[in-house]
All heavy atoms as atom14 arrays in JSON, in Angstrom:
{
  "sequence": "PRQFPCTEFTVLRHKTDKYVVHIECRGAVLEPE",
  "atom14_mask": [
    [1, 1, 1, 1, 1, 1, 1, 0, 0, 0, 0, 0, 0, 0],
    [1, 1, 1, 1, 1, 1, 1, 1, 1, 1, 1, 0, 0, 0],
    [1, 1, 1, 1, 1, 1, 1, 1, 1, 0, 0, 0, 0, 0],
    [1, 1, 1, 1, 1, 1, 1, 1, 1, 1, 1, 0, 0, 0],
    [1, 1, 1, 1, 1, 1, 1, 0, 0, 0, 0, 0, 0, 0],
    [1, 1, 1, 1, 1, 1, 0, 0, 0, 0, 0, 0, 0, 0],
    [1, 1, 1, 1, 1, 1, 1, 0, 0, 0, 0, 0, 0, 0],
    [1, 1, 1, 1, 1, 1, 1, 1, 1, 0, 0, 0, 0, 0],
    [1, 1, 1, 1, 1, 1, 1, 1, 1, 1, 1, 0, 0, 0],
    [1, 1, 1, 1, 1, 1, 1, 0, 0, 0, 0, 0, 0, 0],
    [1, 1, 1, 1, 1, 1, 1, 0, 0, 0, 0, 0, 0, 0],
    [1, 1, 1, 1, 1, 1, 1, 1, 0, 0, 0, 0, 0, 0],
    [1, 1, 1, 1, 1, 1, 1, 1, 1, 1, 1, 0, 0, 0],
    [1, 1, 1, 1, 1, 1, 1, 1, 1, 1, 0, 0, 0, 0],
    [1, 1, 1, 1, 1, 1, 1, 1, 1, 0, 0, 0, 0, 0],
    [1, 1, 1, 1, 1, 1, 1, 0, 0, 0, 0, 0, 0, 0],
    [1, 1, 1, 1, 1, 1, 1, 1, 0, 0, 0, 0, 0, 0],
    [1, 1, 1, 1, 1, 1, 1, 1, 1, 0, 0, 0, 0, 0],
    [1, 1, 1, 1, 1, 1, 1, 1, 1, 1, 1, 1, 0, 0],
    [1, 1, 1, 1, 1, 1, 1, 0, 0, 0, 0, 0, 0, 0],
    [1, 1, 1, 1, 1, 1, 1, 0, 0, 0, 0, 0, 0, 0],
    [1, 1, 1, 1, 1, 1, 1, 1, 1, 1, 0, 0, 0, 0],
    [1, 1, 1, 1, 1, 1, 1, 1, 0, 0, 0, 0, 0, 0],
    [1, 1, 1, 1, 1, 1, 1, 1, 1, 0, 0, 0, 0, 0],
    [1, 1, 1, 1, 1, 1, 0, 0, 0, 0, 0, 0, 0, 0],
    [1, 1, 1, 1, 1, 1, 1, 1, 1, 1, 1, 0, 0, 0],
    [1, 1, 1, 1, 0, 0, 0, 0, 0, 0, 0, 0, 0, 0],
    [1, 1, 1, 1, 1, 0, 0, 0, 0, 0, 0, 0, 0, 0],
    [1, 1, 1, 1, 1, 1, 1, 0, 0, 0, 0, 0, 0, 0],
    [1, 1, 1, 1, 1, 1, 1, 1, 0, 0, 0, 0, 0, 0],
    [1, 1, 1, 1, 1, 1, 1, 1, 1, 0, 0, 0, 0, 0],
    [1, 1, 1, 1, 1, 1, 1, 0, 0, 0, 0, 0, 0, 0],
    [1, 1, 1, 1, 1, 1, 1, 1, 1, 0, 0, 0, 0, 0]
  ],
  "atom14_positions": [
    [[128.53, -14.99, -180.76], [129.09, -13.72, -181.26], [128.95, -13.63, -182.77], [128.69, -14.62, -183.46], [130.57, -13.83, -180.85], [130.84, -15.29, -180.79], [129.56, -15.93, -180.32], [0.0, 0.0, 0.0], [0.0, 0.0, 0.0], [0.0, 0.0, 0.0], [0.0, 0.0, 0.0], [0.0, 0.0, 0.0], [0.0, 0.0, 0.0], [0.0, 0.0, 0.0]],
    [[129.13, -12.42, -183.28], [129.06, -12.22, -184.73], [130.17, -13.02, -185.42], [131.31, -13.06, -184.96], [129.21, -10.74, -185.06], [129.22, -10.45, -186.57], [129.39, -8.99, -186.85], [128.27, -8.2, -186.38], [127.1, -8.1, -187.02], [126.92, -8.76, -188.17], [126.13, -7.36, -186.53], [0.0, 0.0, 0.0], [0.0, 0.0, 0.0], [0.0, 0.0, 0.0]],
    [[129.82, -13.65, -186.54], [130.79, -14.39, -187.33], [131.04, -13.75, -188.7], [132.1, -13.93, -189.29], [130.31, -15.83, -187.53], [130.1, -16.6, -186.24], [129.54, -17.98, -186.48], [130.03, -18.72, -187.35], [128.51, -18.36, -185.75], [0.0, 0.0, 0.0], [0.0, 0.0, 0.0], [0.0, 0.0, 0.0], [0.0, 0.0, 0.0], [0.0, 0.0, 0.0]],
    [[130.03, -13.02, -189.18], [130.12, -12.4, -190.51], [129.47, -11.03, -190.45], [128.5, -10.85, -189.72], [129.39, -13.28, -191.55], [129.53, -12.78, -192.96], [130.64, -13.11, -193.73], [128.55, -11.96, -193.51], [130.78, -12.63, -195.01], [128.68, -11.48, -194.8], [129.8, -11.83, -195.56], [0.0, 0.0, 0.0], [0.0, 0.0, 0.0], [0.0, 0.0, 0.0]],
    [[130.01, -10.06, -191.17], [131.14, -10.05, -192.11], [132.48, -10.27, -191.41], [132.61, -10.04, -190.23], [131.06, -8.66, -192.74], [129.69, -8.13, -192.41], [129.33, -8.75, -191.1], [0.0, 0.0, 0.0], [0.0, 0.0, 0.0], [0.0, 0.0, 0.0], [0.0, 0.0, 0.0], [0.0, 0.0, 0.0], [0.0, 0.0, 0.0], [0.0, 0.0, 0.0]],
    [[133.47, -10.67, -192.21], [134.81, -10.9, -191.69], [135.82, -10.6, -192.81], [135.45, -10.44, -193.96], [134.97, -12.32, -191.17], [134.43, -13.59, -192.31], [0.0, 0.0, 0.0], [0.0, 0.0, 0.0], [0.0, 0.0, 0.0], [0.0, 0.0, 0.0], [0.0, 0.0, 0.0], [0.0, 0.0, 0.0], [0.0, 0.0, 0.0], [0.0, 0.0, 0.0]],
    [[137.1, -10.55, -192.43], [138.12, -10.12, -193.38], [138.42, -11.15, -194.45], [138.85, -10.81, -195.55], [139.41, -9.75, -192.65], [139.82, -10.87, -191.84], [139.21, -8.54, -191.76], [0.0, 0.0, 0.0], [0.0, 0.0, 0.0], [0.0, 0.0, 0.0], [0.0, 0.0, 0.0], [0.0, 0.0, 0.0], [0.0, 0.0, 0.0], [0.0, 0.0, 0.0]],
    [[138.24, -12.43, -194.15], [138.46, -13.49, -195.13], [137.32, -14.5, -195.03], [136.95, -14.91, -193.93], [139.79, -14.21, -194.86], [141.02, -13.32, -194.94], [142.28, -14.09, -194.6], [142.32, -15.31, -194.84], [143.21, -13.47, -194.07], [0.0, 0.0, 0.0], [0.0, 0.0, 0.0], [0.0, 0.0, 0.0], [0.0, 0.0, 0.0], [0.0, 0.0, 0.0]],
    [[136.78, -14.88, -196.17], [135.68, -15.86, -196.14], [135.53, -16.51, -197.51], [136.0, -15.99, -198.53], [134.37, -15.19, -195.72], [133.93, -14.03, -196.56], [133.04, -14.19, -197.61], [134.41, -12.75, -196.31], [132.63, -13.13, -198.39], [134.01, -11.66, -197.08], [133.11, -11.86, -198.12], [0.0, 0.0, 0.0], [0.0, 0.0, 0.0], [0.0, 0.0, 0.0]],
    [[134.89, -17.65, -197.49], [134.6, -18.4, -198.72], [133.1, -18.64, -198.78], [132.49, -19.12, -197.81], [135.32, -19.76, -198.74], [136.73, -19.54, -198.65], [135.01, -20.52, -200.02], [0.0, 0.0, 0.0], [0.0, 0.0, 0.0], [0.0, 0.0, 0.0], [0.0, 0.0, 0.0], [0.0, 0.0, 0.0], [0.0, 0.0, 0.0], [0.0, 0.0, 0.0]],
    [[132.49, -18.27, -199.89], [131.06, -18.48, -200.11], [130.87, -19.77, -200.91], [131.39, -19.89, -202.02], [130.41, -17.3, -200.83], [128.93, -17.57, -201.1], [130.58, -16.02, -200.02], [0.0, 0.0, 0.0], [0.0, 0.0, 0.0], [0.0, 0.0, 0.0], [0.0, 0.0, 0.0], [0.0, 0.0, 0.0], [0.0, 0.0, 0.0], [0.0, 0.0, 0.0]],
    [[130.13, -20.71, -200.34], [129.82, -21.97, -201.01], [128.41, -21.85, -201.59], [127.45, -21.63, -200.85], [129.89, -23.15, -200.03], [131.26, -23.7, -199.66], [132.1, -22.65, -198.93], [131.12, -24.94, -198.77], [0.0, 0.0, 0.0], [0.0, 0.0, 0.0], [0.0, 0.0, 0.0], [0.0, 0.0, 0.0], [0.0, 0.0, 0.0], [0.0, 0.0, 0.0]],
    [[128.32, -22.0, -202.92], [127.03, -21.86, -203.59], [126.73, -23.1, -204.43], [127.64, -23.76, -204.95], [127.01, -20.63, -204.51], [127.27, -19.33, -203.81], [127.25, -18.16, -204.79], [125.9, -17.84, -205.25], [125.62, -16.98, -206.21], [126.61, -16.39, -206.87], [124.39, -16.73, -206.55], [0.0, 0.0, 0.0], [0.0, 0.0, 0.0], [0.0, 0.0, 0.0]],
    [[125.43, -23.39, -204.55], [125.0, -24.49, -205.4], [125.29, -24.12, -206.85], [124.95, -23.02, -207.3], [123.5, -24.76, -205.21], [123.03, -26.04, -205.79], [122.84, -26.21, -207.13], [122.72, -27.23, -205.2], [122.41, -27.45, -207.37], [122.35, -28.09, -206.2], [0.0, 0.0, 0.0], [0.0, 0.0, 0.0], [0.0, 0.0, 0.0], [0.0, 0.0, 0.0]],
    [[125.94, -25.01, -207.57], [126.44, -24.69, -208.91], [125.32, -24.33, -209.89], [125.48, -23.43, -210.73], [127.24, -25.88, -209.46], [127.99, -25.58, -210.77], [128.74, -26.79, -211.26], [129.88, -27.16, -210.35], [131.0, -26.17, -210.41], [0.0, 0.0, 0.0], [0.0, 0.0, 0.0], [0.0, 0.0, 0.0], [0.0, 0.0, 0.0], [0.0, 0.0, 0.0]],
    [[124.18, -25.01, -209.8], [123.11, -24.76, -210.76], [122.0, -23.88, -210.2], [121.48, -23.0, -210.89], [122.5, -26.09, -211.24], [122.06, -26.85, -210.11], [123.53, -26.9, -212.0], [0.0, 0.0, 0.0], [0.0, 0.0, 0.0], [0.0, 0.0, 0.0], [0.0, 0.0, 0.0], [0.0, 0.0, 0.0], [0.0, 0.0, 0.0], [0.0, 0.0, 0.0]],
    [[121.63, -24.09, -208.93], [120.53, -23.32, -208.35], [120.99, -21.98, -207.78], [120.16, -21.11, -207.49], [119.84, -24.13, -207.25], [119.17, -25.38, -207.81], [118.9, -25.4, -209.03], [118.92, -26.33, -207.04], [0.0, 0.0, 0.0], [0.0, 0.0, 0.0], [0.0, 0.0, 0.0], [0.0, 0.0, 0.0], [0.0, 0.0, 0.0], [0.0, 0.0, 0.0]],
    [[122.31, -21.83, -207.57], [122.94, -20.56, -207.2], [122.64, -20.07, -205.78], [123.02, -18.95, -205.43], [122.56, -19.45, -208.2], [122.99, -19.74, -209.63], [124.49, -19.98, -209.72], [124.94, -20.26, -211.14], [126.38, -20.56, -211.23], [0.0, 0.0, 0.0], [0.0, 0.0, 0.0], [0.0, 0.0, 0.0], [0.0, 0.0, 0.0], [0.0, 0.0, 0.0]],
    [[121.96, -20.84, -204.97], [121.72, -20.39, -203.6], [122.95, -20.65, -202.74], [123.77, -21.52, -203.03], [120.49, -21.06, -202.99], [120.59, -22.56, -202.83], [121.19, -23.12, -201.7], [120.06, -23.42, -203.78], [121.28, -24.5, -201.53], [120.15, -24.79, -203.64], [120.75, -25.32, -202.51], [120.83, -26.68, -202.36], [0.0, 0.0, 0.0], [0.0, 0.0, 0.0]],
    [[123.11, -19.87, -201.67], [124.25, -20.02, -200.77], [124.02, -21.19, -199.83], [123.01, -21.25, -199.13], [124.49, -18.73, -199.97], [125.6, -18.93, -198.93], [124.85, -17.58, -200.9], [0.0, 0.0, 0.0], [0.0, 0.0, 0.0], [0.0, 0.0, 0.0], [0.0, 0.0, 0.0], [0.0, 0.0, 0.0], [0.0, 0.0, 0.0], [0.0, 0.0, 0.0]],
    [[124.96, -22.12, -199.82], [124.89, -23.28, -198.94], [125.55, -22.98, -197.59], [125.03, -23.36, -196.54], [125.58, -24.5, -199.6], [125.58, -25.7, -198.66], [124.89, -24.85, -200.92], [0.0, 0.0, 0.0], [0.0, 0.0, 0.0], [0.0, 0.0, 0.0], [0.0, 0.0, 0.0], [0.0, 0.0, 0.0], [0.0, 0.0, 0.0], [0.0, 0.0, 0.0]],
    [[126.67, -22.27, -197.63], [127.42, -22.03, -196.4], [128.44, -20.93, -196.65], [128.87, -20.69, -197.79], [128.12, -23.33, -195.97], [128.91, -23.21, -194.71], [128.36, -22.79, -193.51], [130.22, -23.47, -194.45], [129.29, -22.8, -192.58], [130.42, -23.19, -193.11], [0.0, 0.0, 0.0], [0.0, 0.0, 0.0], [0.0, 0.0, 0.0], [0.0, 0.0, 0.0]],
    [[128.83, -20.25, -195.57], [129.94, -19.29, -195.62], [131.01, -19.76, -194.64], [130.72, -19.93, -193.44], [129.49, -17.86, -195.26], [128.44, -17.37, -196.26], [130.69, -16.92, -195.27], [127.92, -15.98, -195.95], [0.0, 0.0, 0.0], [0.0, 0.0, 0.0], [0.0, 0.0, 0.0], [0.0, 0.0, 0.0], [0.0, 0.0, 0.0], [0.0, 0.0, 0.0]],
    [[132.2, -19.98, -195.14], [133.33, -20.33, -194.28], [134.01, -19.04, -193.85], [134.62, -18.34, -194.65], [134.32, -21.23, -195.03], [133.74, -22.59, -195.4], [134.71, -23.44, -196.22], [135.76, -22.89, -196.65], [134.41, -24.62, -196.45], [0.0, 0.0, 0.0], [0.0, 0.0, 0.0], [0.0, 0.0, 0.0], [0.0, 0.0, 0.0], [0.0, 0.0, 0.0]],
    [[133.86, -18.7, -192.58], [134.37, -17.43, -192.05], [135.78, -17.6, -191.48], [136.04, -18.52, -190.7], [133.43, -16.91, -190.96], [131.74, -16.62, -191.53], [0.0, 0.0, 0.0], [0.0, 0.0, 0.0], [0.0, 0.0, 0.0], [0.0, 0.0, 0.0], [0.0, 0.0, 0.0], [0.0, 0.0, 0.0], [0.0, 0.0, 0.0], [0.0, 0.0, 0.0]],
    [[136.68, -16.69, -191.88], [138.05, -16.7, -191.37], [138.48, -15.26, -191.09], [137.73, -14.32, -191.34], [139.0, -17.34, -192.39], [138.65, -18.78, -192.77], [139.67, -19.35, -193.75], [139.72, -18.6, -194.99], [138.86, -18.76, -196.0], [137.88, -19.64, -195.91], [138.98, -18.04, -197.11], [0.0, 0.0, 0.0], [0.0, 0.0, 0.0], [0.0, 0.0, 0.0]],
    [[139.68, -15.11, -190.59], [140.2, -13.78, -190.34], [139.5, -13.11, -189.16], [138.96, -13.76, -188.27], [0.0, 0.0, 0.0], [0.0, 0.0, 0.0], [0.0, 0.0, 0.0], [0.0, 0.0, 0.0], [0.0, 0.0, 0.0], [0.0, 0.0, 0.0], [0.0, 0.0, 0.0], [0.0, 0.0, 0.0], [0.0, 0.0, 0.0], [0.0, 0.0, 0.0]],
    [[139.48, -11.77, -189.2], [138.88, -10.98, -188.12], [137.44, -10.6, -188.48], [137.11, -10.35, -189.63], [139.71, -9.72, -187.89], [0.0, 0.0, 0.0], [0.0, 0.0, 0.0], [0.0, 0.0, 0.0], [0.0, 0.0, 0.0], [0.0, 0.0, 0.0], [0.0, 0.0, 0.0], [0.0, 0.0, 0.0], [0.0, 0.0, 0.0], [0.0, 0.0, 0.0]],
    [[136.61, -10.56, -187.46], [135.21, -10.16, -187.65], [135.16, -8.66, -187.94], [135.88, -7.87, -187.31], [134.37, -10.5, -186.4], [132.98, -9.88, -186.51], [134.28, -12.0, -186.23], [0.0, 0.0, 0.0], [0.0, 0.0, 0.0], [0.0, 0.0, 0.0], [0.0, 0.0, 0.0], [0.0, 0.0, 0.0], [0.0, 0.0, 0.0], [0.0, 0.0, 0.0]],
    [[134.32, -8.26, -188.88], [134.12, -6.85, -189.23], [132.76, -6.39, -188.69], [131.71, -6.82, -189.21], [134.16, -6.65, -190.74], [135.5, -6.9, -191.44], [135.3, -6.88, -192.96], [136.53, -5.85, -191.02], [0.0, 0.0, 0.0], [0.0, 0.0, 0.0], [0.0, 0.0, 0.0], [0.0, 0.0, 0.0], [0.0, 0.0, 0.0], [0.0, 0.0, 0.0]],
    [[132.77, -5.58, -187.67], [131.51, -5.03, -187.19], [130.98, -4.04, -188.23], [131.74, -3.17, -188.7], [131.7, -4.32, -185.85], [131.83, -5.26, -184.67], [130.55, -6.04, -184.39], [129.46, -5.53, -184.74], [130.66, -7.15, -183.84], [0.0, 0.0, 0.0], [0.0, 0.0, 0.0], [0.0, 0.0, 0.0], [0.0, 0.0, 0.0], [0.0, 0.0, 0.0]],
    [[129.71, -4.14, -188.63], [129.17, -3.22, -189.62], [129.33, -1.76, -189.18], [129.08, -1.42, -188.02], [127.7, -3.62, -189.71], [127.68, -5.05, -189.27], [128.73, -5.17, -188.22], [0.0, 0.0, 0.0], [0.0, 0.0, 0.0], [0.0, 0.0, 0.0], [0.0, 0.0, 0.0], [0.0, 0.0, 0.0], [0.0, 0.0, 0.0], [0.0, 0.0, 0.0]],
    [[129.78, -0.91, -190.11], [130.0, 0.5, -189.79], [128.7, 1.22, -189.45], [128.65, 2.02, -188.52], [130.65, 1.19, -190.99], [132.04, 0.71, -191.33], [132.64, 1.49, -192.48], [131.92, 1.77, -193.47], [133.82, 1.81, -192.39], [0.0, 0.0, 0.0], [0.0, 0.0, 0.0], [0.0, 0.0, 0.0], [0.0, 0.0, 0.0], [0.0, 0.0, 0.0]]
  ]
}
């Protein structure tokens, strides 16, 4: 099932290279409008 977008989430990014390593999804899933 869809995990993202959602109402609460944390974006984990590489400090120097700035790419996204992972998204911690929480809360309710938001179906795109």
